[in-house]
Protein backbone atom coordinates (compact mmCIF):
# COMPACT_ATOMS: atom_id res chain seq x y z
CA MET A 1 88.99 94.86 133.07
CA PRO A 2 90.38 94.19 129.55
CA LEU A 3 92.75 91.25 128.85
CA SER A 4 96.40 92.02 128.81
CA SER A 5 97.96 92.77 125.35
CA ASN A 6 99.65 89.29 125.17
CA LYS A 7 96.50 87.32 126.25
CA LEU A 8 94.32 89.44 123.89
CA ALA A 9 96.85 88.78 121.04
CA LEU A 10 96.67 85.03 121.75
CA VAL A 11 92.98 84.80 121.84
CA VAL A 12 92.72 87.00 118.64
CA ILE A 13 95.17 84.59 116.94
CA LEU A 14 93.45 81.36 118.22
CA VAL A 15 89.96 82.81 116.98
CA ILE A 16 91.21 83.70 113.62
CA ALA A 17 93.04 80.39 113.20
CA GLY A 18 89.99 78.48 114.59
CA LEU A 19 87.54 80.15 112.26
CA TYR A 20 89.78 79.56 109.36
CA PHE A 21 90.29 75.87 109.97
CA ALA A 22 86.48 75.37 110.93
CA LEU A 23 84.94 77.38 108.08
CA ASP A 24 87.18 77.87 105.11
CA HIS A 25 86.24 74.93 103.00
CA THR A 26 85.42 76.86 99.95
CA TYR A 27 87.37 77.51 96.88
CA SER A 28 89.61 80.50 97.68
CA PRO A 29 93.30 81.36 97.34
CA PHE A 30 93.73 80.64 101.06
CA ASN A 31 91.70 77.45 101.42
CA HIS A 32 93.18 74.22 102.99
CA GLU A 33 93.88 72.52 99.61
CA ALA A 34 95.46 75.74 98.08
CA ILE A 35 98.05 76.11 100.87
CA GLY A 36 98.81 72.40 100.90
CA ILE A 37 97.30 71.04 104.18
CA GLY A 38 95.09 68.43 102.61
CA THR A 39 91.50 67.73 102.10
CA MET A 40 90.47 66.17 105.35
CA HIS A 41 87.75 68.62 106.08
CA SER A 42 86.47 66.93 109.25
CA VAL A 43 89.86 66.99 110.93
CA HIS A 44 90.31 70.65 110.02
CA THR A 45 86.80 71.47 111.46
CA ILE A 46 87.64 69.65 114.60
CA PHE A 47 91.00 71.38 114.97
CA GLY A 48 89.27 74.73 114.36
CA ILE A 49 86.74 74.02 117.10
CA VAL A 50 89.50 73.09 119.55
CA LEU A 51 91.26 76.31 118.77
CA LEU A 52 88.13 78.19 119.52
CA ALA A 53 87.45 76.33 122.71
CA ILE A 54 91.02 77.14 123.88
CA ALA A 55 90.50 80.90 123.04
CA ALA A 56 87.38 80.79 124.98
CA ALA A 57 89.22 79.05 127.90
CA VAL A 58 92.07 81.65 127.83
CA TRP A 59 89.51 84.50 127.87
CA SER A 60 87.37 82.90 130.68
CA MET A 61 90.33 82.14 132.89
CA ASP A 62 91.57 85.68 132.65
CA LYS A 63 88.04 87.05 133.30
CA ASN A 64 87.69 84.75 136.26
CA SER A 65 91.11 85.54 137.81
CA LYS A 66 90.42 89.19 137.72
CA THR A 67 87.06 89.03 139.35
CA LYS A 68 88.61 87.05 142.34
CA LYS A 69 91.08 89.73 143.08
């Protein structure tokens, strides 16, 4: 069964934000320095990985709750 629309939206937002923080360390109009959130790349990478882990946990909890019903 697919995720509910609210949970799917949350997972998609968390994945996009996680990938952005974890990977966008290049020069682009939307990189960390260009939008004003600093140059601490290691912190951004860790934060991105945490967001991806939360997305995976939401996905997994939803999947596990549906298989137990």
